[in-house]
Amino acid sequence: MSVSIPPATIRPTGRVAACAKDVAAQQHLELAIRRNGYESIAVSSMEELRALLLTENIAAAVIDEPESIEDVERLDAEMRRVDRPTQFILLPSIGQRLNTPRSVSCEFVEPPLTPERIGRSLFSAVGRAQLISENLELKQKLEGRMFDGLVGVSQETRELRAHIHSAAEHDQPVLITGESGCGKSEAARAIHLTRSGPSQPLLTIRCSLLTSDAVKKELFGDEETEGRFATAADGTLVFEDIEALTIPLQIQIAEVIRNSAYRVDDTYIPLRARIIATTTSNLRKLCDEDKFETRLLNLIERNIIQVAPLRSRISDLPGLAEHFVQQCCVREGQHPRRLSDEAIARLESHQWPGNVRELENVINRCCSLAGTPVITSEELQPWLEQKEESTETPGLTLKEMERKLIEATFNRFGGNRELTAKALQIGIRTLSGKLREYGYPPRGGPGSNRKQVRAA
């Protein structure tokens, strides 16, 4: 004779807050919560409960004799706005009359308040919170993959993506500010992709690399070539490091933006390109010092997007590091690799003065020179030690100073050898030879220098 075995019940896990003014009521609630297998935290007021829910991961809050359902619903709405999964269980006193909650996250448990009745409500509430948490985590991961360079789940990155979506709803100029290497170019690219799509042109003027005459020719063209104002039509034109432009050229650009048209010879042509400017400087301060054109700033500062440095959104680092590892594996023709937990911890302890660009360069160097399936903290350490050395260390040899200059410029331009060579005013072959001497992989076949490293 076969014996049927009832299915096992998997109890959801989570922390539960017990909110009651009376100490005895707190103790009664905590006892009921712990008897049902949950960790309990006691508070004595709605203000304390709100502070707790905003700082801790709380699956459910049991509120004894709430004064009004409206207070609970306001707190519930605030939790939804900040993506908190907390559910609310309300325990009215005998004879207390309260309106029926309008939110599905709030439920009543009528007297008698036995541990069993409270336990059934806790089981449902904590289960819902756990499901909501899983859905939120999945949503954050999907949002983090929306744009290649904007991977992350931090509040700062989520707000950045929201600002990008908002900026993509209009065609007004946008000013993107932030430290060097924090991701301003990726934010500009994300605005372009969201607004115009990949089929439209995205053109960049690197103002710090070009002379005033060269920028003017790039923008307006000449008898032989069209300028960027024309070729970026229906797309986006990005002025990178706009503070590097000369004042006369800033005035011209301000006129183009204000009139929505640019002049070629004696003809005015409508401006059909979206203008985005990026800067690492305080442009308002530069205006006060007569180093930036106030009229141009007044036009571009109406829509400002601030990109936070990596050190202030360190929770993005694991996802970013994984993203760069996978990119490098594809580019180098390697088998899939991953970072060990110790390697992630070591990356998280670094200060990242070079921000996301520095992280990408560290990952690229390490991946290019090592071939193990799991990247360890020991493999990362040499590259991080180089970053942590002070650039003002006394007694550097000429060769050491040359290396620091080349590597800093190479990092600044995200590993682009042509731009690095141009900025340093050296030949591309000379630059490649120096980088190979420093341990960087050659431009040739994927990972072709790793054999040399192992044989050394």
Protein backbone atom coordinates (compact mmCIF):
# COMPACT_ATOMS: atom_id res chain seq x y z
CA MET A 1 0.00 0.00 0.00
CA SER A 2 1.45 3.34 -1.03
CA VAL A 3 1.47 6.19 1.43
CA SER A 4 0.93 9.69 0.07
CA ILE A 5 3.33 12.24 1.49
CA PRO A 6 1.94 15.75 1.78
CA PRO A 7 3.96 18.35 -0.09
CA ALA A 8 6.46 20.29 1.99
CA THR A 9 5.64 23.91 2.65
CA ILE A 10 8.45 26.35 1.95
CA ARG A 11 8.15 29.20 4.42
CA PRO A 12 9.15 32.59 3.00
CA THR A 13 11.87 34.37 4.91
CA GLY A 14 12.16 38.01 5.89
CA ARG A 15 12.38 40.54 8.71
CA VAL A 16 9.19 41.84 10.32
CA ALA A 17 8.69 45.12 12.21
CA ALA A 18 6.37 45.24 15.23
CA CYS A 19 4.93 48.74 15.73
CA ALA A 20 3.08 49.38 19.01
CA LYS A 21 3.01 52.26 21.49
CA ASP A 22 2.64 49.97 24.52
CA VAL A 23 5.72 47.98 25.56
CA ALA A 24 3.60 44.96 26.53
CA ALA A 25 1.91 45.03 23.10
CA GLN A 26 5.35 45.19 21.46
CA GLN A 27 6.49 42.13 23.37
CA HIS A 28 3.29 40.26 22.49
CA LEU A 29 3.75 41.00 18.79
CA GLU A 30 7.44 40.11 18.80
CA LEU A 31 6.67 36.80 20.48
CA ALA A 32 4.04 35.98 17.84
CA ILE A 33 6.42 36.97 15.02
CA ARG A 34 9.29 34.84 16.36
CA ARG A 35 6.99 31.87 16.99
CA ASN A 36 6.20 31.90 13.28
CA GLY A 37 9.87 31.81 12.35
CA TYR A 38 10.60 35.43 11.45
CA GLU A 39 13.14 37.91 12.84
CA SER A 40 11.41 40.79 14.63
CA ILE A 41 12.30 44.46 15.15
CA ALA A 42 10.23 46.63 17.51
CA VAL A 43 9.36 50.33 17.09
CA SER A 44 6.96 52.50 19.08
CA SER A 45 5.64 55.03 16.52
CA MET A 46 4.85 55.53 12.83
CA GLU A 47 7.79 57.96 12.59
CA GLU A 48 10.20 55.30 13.88
CA LEU A 49 8.62 52.75 11.54
CA ARG A 50 9.10 55.03 8.52
CA ALA A 51 12.77 55.62 9.37
CA LEU A 52 13.28 51.87 9.78
CA LEU A 53 11.60 50.98 6.46
CA LEU A 54 13.70 53.52 4.55
CA THR A 55 16.99 52.18 5.89
CA GLU A 56 16.42 48.43 6.37
CA ASN A 57 15.03 45.58 4.29
CA ILE A 58 11.73 44.84 6.04
CA ALA A 59 9.32 42.35 4.48
CA ALA A 60 6.29 43.19 6.63
CA ALA A 61 5.21 45.65 9.32
CA VAL A 62 2.63 44.67 11.93
CA ILE A 63 0.94 47.82 13.30
CA ASP A 64 -0.99 47.56 16.56
CA GLU A 65 -4.08 49.77 16.85
CA PRO A 66 -3.26 52.25 14.06
CA GLU A 67 -4.73 55.70 14.65
CA SER A 68 -5.88 56.11 11.04
CA ILE A 69 -5.76 54.06 7.88
CA GLU A 70 -4.70 57.19 5.94
CA ASP A 71 -1.34 57.34 7.79
CA VAL A 72 -0.62 53.75 6.85
CA GLU A 73 -1.66 54.29 3.23
CA ARG A 74 0.63 57.34 2.94
CA LEU A 75 3.52 55.29 4.29
CA ASP A 76 2.63 52.46 1.92
CA ALA A 77 2.62 54.87 -1.06
CA GLU A 78 6.04 56.20 -0.04
CA MET A 79 7.42 52.66 0.10
CA ARG A 80 6.12 51.97 -3.41
CA ARG A 81 7.79 55.16 -4.73
CA VAL A 82 11.20 54.03 -3.46
CA ASP A 83 10.66 50.42 -4.59
CA ARG A 84 10.36 48.89 -1.12
CA PRO A 85 8.38 45.62 -0.99
CA THR A 86 7.12 46.05 2.61
CA GLN A 87 3.59 44.75 3.34
CA PHE A 88 1.42 46.09 6.17
CA ILE A 89 -0.68 44.08 8.65
CA LEU A 90 -3.07 46.20 10.74
CA LEU A 91 -4.36 45.02 14.12
CA PRO A 92 -7.36 47.15 15.19
CA SER A 93 -8.51 47.09 18.79
CA ILE A 94 -11.87 45.60 19.78
CA GLY A 95 -14.57 47.98 18.63
CA GLN A 96 -12.17 50.20 16.66
CA ARG A 97 -13.68 51.28 13.33
CA LEU A 98 -11.31 51.96 10.45
CA ASN A 99 -11.92 52.44 6.74
CA THR A 100 -11.12 49.50 4.50
CA PRO A 101 -7.55 49.85 3.09
CA ARG A 102 -7.45 50.80 -0.59
CA SER A 103 -3.99 49.31 -1.06
CA VAL A 104 -3.46 45.59 -1.65
CA SER A 105 -0.32 45.90 0.50
CA CYS A 106 -2.44 46.54 3.63
CA GLU A 107 -4.70 44.03 5.37
CA PHE A 108 -6.67 43.81 8.63
CA VAL A 109 -6.46 40.98 11.16
CA GLU A 110 -9.56 41.06 13.34
CA PRO A 111 -9.50 39.99 17.03
CA PRO A 112 -8.85 37.60 18.65
CA LEU A 113 -5.18 38.19 17.80
CA THR A 114 -3.78 34.72 18.35
CA PRO A 115 -0.24 33.81 17.16
CA GLU A 116 -1.86 31.43 14.65
CA ARG A 117 -4.02 34.16 13.04
CA ILE A 118 -1.10 36.57 12.95
CA GLY A 119 1.08 33.78 11.54
CA ARG A 120 -1.27 33.14 8.59
CA SER A 121 -1.25 36.83 7.69
CA LEU A 122 2.54 36.98 8.06
CA PHE A 123 2.95 33.99 5.74
CA SER A 124 0.95 35.73 3.01
CA ALA A 125 2.51 39.16 3.57
CA VAL A 126 6.14 37.99 3.67
CA GLY A 127 5.52 35.79 0.62
CA ARG A 128 4.18 38.77 -1.35
CA ALA A 129 7.14 40.89 -0.25
CA GLN A 130 9.58 38.20 -1.35
CA LEU A 131 7.92 37.95 -4.77
CA ILE A 132 7.94 41.74 -5.17
CA SER A 133 11.64 41.84 -4.22
CA GLU A 134 12.48 39.23 -6.86
CA ASN A 135 10.53 41.16 -9.49
CA LEU A 136 12.23 44.43 -8.53
CA GLU A 137 15.65 42.79 -8.74
CA LEU A 138 14.85 41.40 -12.18
CA LYS A 139 13.56 44.80 -13.31
CA GLN A 140 16.74 46.52 -12.09
CA LYS A 141 18.92 44.02 -13.91
CA LEU A 142 16.97 44.50 -17.13
CA GLU A 143 17.20 48.28 -16.77
CA GLY A 144 20.92 47.93 -16.12
CA ARG A 145 21.33 46.21 -19.49
CA MET A 146 19.37 48.87 -21.37
CA PHE A 147 22.52 50.67 -22.50
CA ASP A 148 25.98 49.14 -22.70
CA GLY A 149 27.74 51.80 -20.64
CA LEU A 150 25.00 52.40 -18.08
CA VAL A 151 25.06 49.06 -16.31
CA GLY A 152 24.12 49.30 -12.64
CA VAL A 153 21.41 48.95 -10.02
CA SER A 154 22.28 51.85 -7.69
CA GLN A 155 19.78 54.60 -6.96
CA GLU A 156 22.09 57.09 -8.72
CA THR A 157 22.18 55.02 -11.91
CA ARG A 158 18.45 54.44 -11.88
CA GLU A 159 17.86 58.18 -11.52
CA LEU A 160 20.33 58.79 -14.36
CA ARG A 161 18.36 56.48 -16.64
CA ALA A 162 15.15 58.30 -15.67
CA HIS A 163 16.77 61.66 -16.55
CA ILE A 164 17.92 60.21 -19.88
CA HIS A 165 14.40 59.06 -20.73
CA SER A 166 13.09 62.51 -19.80
CA ALA A 167 15.71 64.24 -21.99
CA ALA A 168 14.85 61.93 -24.88
CA GLU A 169 11.28 63.27 -24.93
CA HIS A 170 12.33 66.66 -26.36
CA ASP A 171 14.92 68.12 -28.74
CA GLN A 172 16.28 70.90 -26.51
CA PRO A 173 20.05 71.09 -25.81
CA VAL A 174 21.31 69.01 -22.88
CA LEU A 175 24.34 69.64 -20.67
CA ILE A 176 25.91 66.54 -19.11
CA THR A 177 28.30 67.19 -16.22
CA GLY A 178 30.54 64.96 -14.13
CA GLU A 179 34.10 63.92 -13.39
CA SER A 180 36.41 62.60 -16.08
CA GLY A 181 35.69 58.98 -16.94
CA CYS A 182 32.36 58.75 -15.09
CA GLY A 183 30.27 57.97 -18.18
CA LYS A 184 29.19 61.30 -19.71
CA SER A 185 29.74 60.04 -23.25
CA GLU A 186 27.65 56.95 -22.55
CA ALA A 187 24.86 59.14 -21.16
CA ALA A 188 24.94 61.22 -24.35
CA ARG A 189 24.86 58.06 -26.44
CA ALA A 190 21.91 56.75 -24.41
CA ILE A 191 19.94 59.97 -25.01
CA HIS A 192 20.66 59.67 -28.72
CA LEU A 193 19.63 56.01 -28.93
CA THR A 194 16.44 56.61 -26.96
CA ARG A 195 15.45 59.67 -28.98
CA SER A 196 16.77 59.02 -32.49
CA GLY A 197 17.66 55.33 -32.60
CA PRO A 198 20.81 53.62 -33.93
CA SER A 199 20.05 54.41 -37.58
CA GLN A 200 20.57 58.17 -37.15
CA PRO A 201 24.01 59.83 -36.92
CA LEU A 202 25.76 60.38 -33.58
CA LEU A 203 28.74 62.70 -34.12
CA THR A 204 31.20 63.99 -31.54
CA ILE A 205 33.39 67.10 -31.57
CA ARG A 206 36.28 66.64 -29.12
CA CYS A 207 36.80 70.29 -28.32
CA SER A 208 39.94 69.79 -26.22
CA LEU A 209 41.82 68.11 -29.09
CA LEU A 210 41.11 70.57 -31.91
CA THR A 211 42.11 74.14 -32.61
CA SER A 212 39.44 76.81 -33.02
CA ASP A 213 39.85 76.82 -36.81
CA ALA A 214 39.62 73.02 -36.94
CA VAL A 215 36.43 73.01 -34.85
CA LYS A 216 34.89 75.72 -37.04
CA LYS A 217 35.71 73.73 -40.17
CA GLU A 218 34.32 70.56 -38.57
CA LEU A 219 31.04 72.32 -37.74
CA PHE A 220 30.39 74.44 -40.82
CA GLY A 221 32.39 72.57 -43.47
CA ASP A 222 34.02 74.12 -46.51
CA GLU A 223 33.71 74.05 -50.28
CA GLU A 224 34.68 70.37 -50.41
CA THR A 225 33.02 68.82 -47.35
CA GLU A 226 29.82 69.24 -45.37
CA GLY A 227 30.09 70.31 -41.77
CA ARG A 228 28.88 68.37 -38.73
CA PHE A 229 25.82 70.60 -38.35
CA ALA A 230 24.67 69.23 -41.72
CA THR A 231 25.82 65.60 -41.45
CA ALA A 232 24.31 65.23 -37.96
CA ALA A 233 20.83 66.14 -39.24
CA ASP A 234 18.06 64.05 -37.63
CA GLY A 235 20.67 62.77 -35.18
CA THR A 236 22.84 64.13 -32.39
CA LEU A 237 25.91 66.36 -32.25
CA VAL A 238 27.94 66.09 -29.04
CA PHE A 239 30.40 68.79 -27.92
CA GLU A 240 32.80 66.93 -25.63
CA ASP A 241 34.58 69.23 -23.13
CA ILE A 242 32.70 72.26 -24.43
CA GLU A 243 34.59 74.56 -22.04
CA ALA A 244 37.69 74.10 -24.25
CA LEU A 245 36.12 76.11 -27.11
CA THR A 246 37.25 79.68 -27.64
CA ILE A 247 34.85 82.46 -26.65
CA PRO A 248 34.23 83.64 -30.28
CA LEU A 249 33.28 80.08 -31.27
CA GLN A 250 31.05 79.76 -28.20
CA ILE A 251 29.23 82.90 -29.32
CA GLN A 252 28.70 81.41 -32.79
CA ILE A 253 27.32 78.17 -31.36
CA ALA A 254 25.01 80.11 -29.05
CA GLU A 255 23.64 81.96 -32.11
CA VAL A 256 23.08 78.67 -33.93
CA ILE A 257 21.17 77.19 -30.98
CA ARG A 258 19.13 80.35 -30.36
CA ASN A 259 18.12 80.73 -34.03
CA SER A 260 17.86 76.96 -34.69
CA ALA A 261 19.83 77.66 -37.86
CA TYR A 262 23.41 77.97 -39.01
CA ARG A 263 24.91 80.12 -41.74
CA VAL A 264 26.86 78.84 -44.74
CA ASP A 265 28.03 81.71 -46.95
CA ASP A 266 24.93 83.91 -47.17
CA THR A 267 22.40 81.13 -46.62
CA TYR A 268 20.75 80.16 -43.33
CA ILE A 269 20.09 76.43 -43.01
CA PRO A 270 17.72 75.03 -40.36
CA LEU A 271 19.48 73.16 -37.56
CA ARG A 272 18.15 69.58 -37.48
CA ALA A 273 20.72 68.08 -35.09
CA ARG A 274 20.16 67.59 -31.37
CA ILE A 275 22.88 69.40 -29.38
CA ILE A 276 24.44 67.75 -26.32
CA ALA A 277 27.41 69.25 -24.43
CA THR A 278 29.58 67.56 -21.82
CA THR A 279 31.92 69.12 -19.29
CA THR A 280 33.99 68.35 -16.22
CA SER A 281 34.09 72.05 -15.22
CA ASN A 282 31.84 74.41 -13.31
CA LEU A 283 30.65 76.46 -16.28
CA ARG A 284 28.87 79.05 -14.13
CA LYS A 285 32.15 79.76 -12.33
CA LEU A 286 33.93 80.04 -15.69
CA CYS A 287 31.30 82.56 -16.79
CA ASP A 288 32.00 84.64 -13.68
CA GLU A 289 35.68 84.56 -14.62
CA ASP A 290 34.89 85.58 -18.25
CA LYS A 291 36.19 82.21 -19.48
CA PHE A 292 32.86 80.93 -20.82
CA GLU A 293 30.09 82.61 -22.80
CA THR A 294 27.10 83.32 -20.55
CA ARG A 295 24.62 83.28 -23.46
CA LEU A 296 25.70 79.77 -24.44
CA LEU A 297 25.46 78.50 -20.86
CA ASN A 298 21.96 80.00 -20.50
CA LEU A 299 20.88 77.98 -23.53
CA ILE A 300 22.39 74.61 -22.59
CA GLU A 301 21.91 74.59 -18.80
CA ARG A 302 18.10 74.38 -18.99
CA ASN A 303 18.43 70.59 -19.12
CA ILE A 304 21.33 69.40 -16.95
CA ILE A 305 22.17 65.76 -16.26
CA GLN A 306 24.72 65.03 -13.53
CA VAL A 307 26.60 61.72 -13.79
CA ALA A 308 27.79 60.52 -10.38
CA PRO A 309 31.36 59.27 -9.85
CA LEU A 310 31.86 55.53 -9.43
CA ARG A 311 32.93 55.84 -5.78
CA SER A 312 29.49 57.22 -4.86
CA ARG A 313 27.64 54.35 -6.57
CA ILE A 314 29.92 51.47 -5.67
CA SER A 315 26.99 49.02 -5.74
CA ASP A 316 27.20 49.32 -9.56
CA LEU A 317 30.76 48.00 -9.57
CA PRO A 318 30.07 44.20 -9.63
CA GLY A 319 27.74 44.55 -12.62
CA LEU A 320 30.07 46.92 -14.45
CA ALA A 321 33.11 44.69 -13.82
CA GLU A 322 31.23 41.61 -15.07
CA HIS A 323 30.11 43.58 -18.14
CA PHE A 324 33.69 44.60 -18.99
CA VAL A 325 35.00 41.05 -18.42
CA GLN A 326 32.46 39.62 -20.86
CA GLN A 327 33.22 42.36 -23.41
CA CYS A 328 36.94 41.59 -23.19
CA CYS A 329 36.36 37.83 -23.54
CA VAL A 330 34.39 38.36 -26.74
CA ARG A 331 36.92 40.82 -28.13
CA GLU A 332 39.91 38.61 -27.27
CA GLY A 333 38.26 35.36 -28.39
CA GLN A 334 38.47 33.88 -24.89
CA HIS A 335 36.24 31.38 -23.14
CA PRO A 336 33.78 32.96 -20.67
CA ARG A 337 35.47 34.12 -17.48
CA ARG A 338 34.37 35.62 -14.18
CA LEU A 339 35.75 37.53 -11.22
CA SER A 340 36.17 35.78 -7.88
CA ASP A 341 34.39 37.15 -4.81
CA GLU A 342 37.78 38.26 -3.45
CA ALA A 343 38.50 40.09 -6.71
CA ILE A 344 35.17 41.93 -6.51
CA ALA A 345 35.88 42.86 -2.90
CA ARG A 346 39.31 44.21 -3.91
CA LEU A 347 37.76 46.29 -6.69
CA GLU A 348 35.16 47.66 -4.28
CA SER A 349 37.88 48.79 -1.87
CA HIS A 350 39.64 50.88 -4.55
CA GLN A 351 38.91 54.63 -4.69
CA TRP A 352 38.56 54.83 -8.52
CA PRO A 353 39.80 58.36 -9.18
CA GLY A 354 39.46 57.56 -12.90
CA ASN A 355 35.89 56.33 -12.44
CA VAL A 356 34.27 53.82 -14.83
CA ARG A 357 36.92 54.37 -17.51
CA GLU A 358 39.63 53.36 -15.04
CA LEU A 359 37.68 50.22 -14.08
CA GLU A 360 37.32 49.26 -17.73
CA ASN A 361 41.03 49.76 -18.38
CA VAL A 362 42.02 47.68 -15.32
CA ILE A 363 39.70 44.84 -16.40
CA ASN A 364 40.95 44.97 -20.00
CA ARG A 365 44.62 44.79 -18.96
CA CYS A 366 44.03 41.93 -16.55
CA CYS A 367 41.90 39.94 -19.01
CA SER A 368 44.35 40.43 -21.87
CA LEU A 369 47.33 39.09 -19.91
CA ALA A 370 45.74 36.25 -17.94
CA GLY A 371 43.97 33.14 -19.14
CA THR A 372 42.51 31.48 -16.06
CA PRO A 373 38.72 30.91 -15.95
CA VAL A 374 38.42 32.80 -12.66
CA ILE A 375 40.13 36.18 -12.28
CA THR A 376 41.60 36.47 -8.79
CA SER A 377 42.41 39.49 -6.66
CA GLU A 378 46.12 38.63 -7.06
CA GLU A 379 45.82 39.08 -10.84
CA LEU A 380 44.14 42.48 -10.37
CA GLN A 381 46.52 43.74 -7.70
CA PRO A 382 49.43 44.90 -9.94
CA TRP A 383 47.13 47.09 -12.03
CA LEU A 384 45.42 48.59 -9.00
CA GLU A 385 48.76 49.29 -7.31
CA GLN A 386 49.80 51.34 -10.33
CA LYS A 387 46.62 53.41 -10.01
CA GLU A 388 47.13 54.00 -6.31
CA GLU A 389 50.60 55.45 -6.72
CA SER A 390 50.67 59.21 -6.38
CA THR A 391 51.33 61.11 -9.62
CA GLU A 392 53.35 63.58 -7.58
CA THR A 393 55.84 61.08 -6.20
CA PRO A 394 59.24 62.83 -5.98
CA GLY A 395 62.34 61.37 -7.58
CA LEU A 396 60.69 59.89 -10.70
CA THR A 397 63.05 59.12 -13.55
CA LEU A 398 62.38 60.58 -16.99
CA LYS A 399 61.31 57.13 -18.19
CA GLU A 400 58.84 56.74 -15.30
CA MET A 401 57.39 60.18 -15.95
CA GLU A 402 57.01 59.32 -19.64
CA ARG A 403 55.13 56.12 -18.75
CA LYS A 404 52.78 57.96 -16.39
CA LEU A 405 52.01 60.56 -19.05
CA ILE A 406 51.36 57.95 -21.76
CA GLU A 407 49.19 55.75 -19.52
CA ALA A 408 47.19 58.70 -18.18
CA THR A 409 46.50 59.93 -21.73
CA PHE A 410 45.70 56.40 -22.92
CA ASN A 411 43.19 55.98 -20.07
CA ARG A 412 41.66 59.39 -20.74
CA PHE A 413 40.77 58.38 -24.29
CA GLY A 414 39.45 54.98 -23.29
CA GLY A 415 42.22 52.99 -24.97
CA ASN A 416 41.89 54.75 -28.34
CA ARG A 417 45.43 54.71 -29.76
CA GLU A 418 44.82 57.19 -32.57
CA LEU A 419 43.48 59.86 -30.20
CA THR A 420 46.21 59.12 -27.65
CA ALA A 421 48.97 59.46 -30.25
CA LYS A 422 47.42 62.66 -31.57
CA ALA A 423 47.20 64.19 -28.09
CA LEU A 424 50.80 63.22 -27.27
CA GLN A 425 51.97 64.32 -30.73
CA ILE A 426 53.81 61.05 -31.37
CA GLY A 427 53.47 58.41 -34.07
CA ILE A 428 51.03 55.52 -33.67
CA ARG A 429 53.90 53.01 -34.02
CA THR A 430 55.87 54.75 -31.29
CA LEU A 431 52.83 54.66 -29.00
CA SER A 432 52.15 50.98 -29.71
CA GLY A 433 55.77 50.13 -28.96
CA LYS A 434 55.62 51.97 -25.63
CA LEU A 435 52.35 50.27 -24.64
CA ARG A 436 53.74 46.85 -25.54
CA GLU A 437 56.75 47.64 -23.36
CA TYR A 438 54.38 48.44 -20.46
CA GLY A 439 52.60 45.07 -20.80
CA TYR A 440 49.59 46.07 -22.89
CA PRO A 441 48.44 43.59 -25.57
CA PRO A 442 49.29 44.48 -29.18
CA ARG A 443 46.66 45.67 -31.60
CA GLY A 444 46.98 42.42 -33.54
CA GLY A 445 45.23 39.10 -33.04
CA PRO A 446 43.25 38.53 -29.87
CA GLY A 447 45.38 37.77 -26.86
CA SER A 448 48.45 37.14 -29.00
CA ASN A 449 50.83 38.39 -26.31
CA ARG A 450 49.59 36.11 -23.54
CA LYS A 451 51.94 33.30 -24.66
CA GLN A 452 54.84 35.69 -24.39
CA VAL A 453 53.84 36.62 -20.86
CA ARG A 454 53.63 32.97 -19.75
CA ALA A 455 56.94 32.18 -21.38
CA ALA A 456 58.69 35.11 -19.72
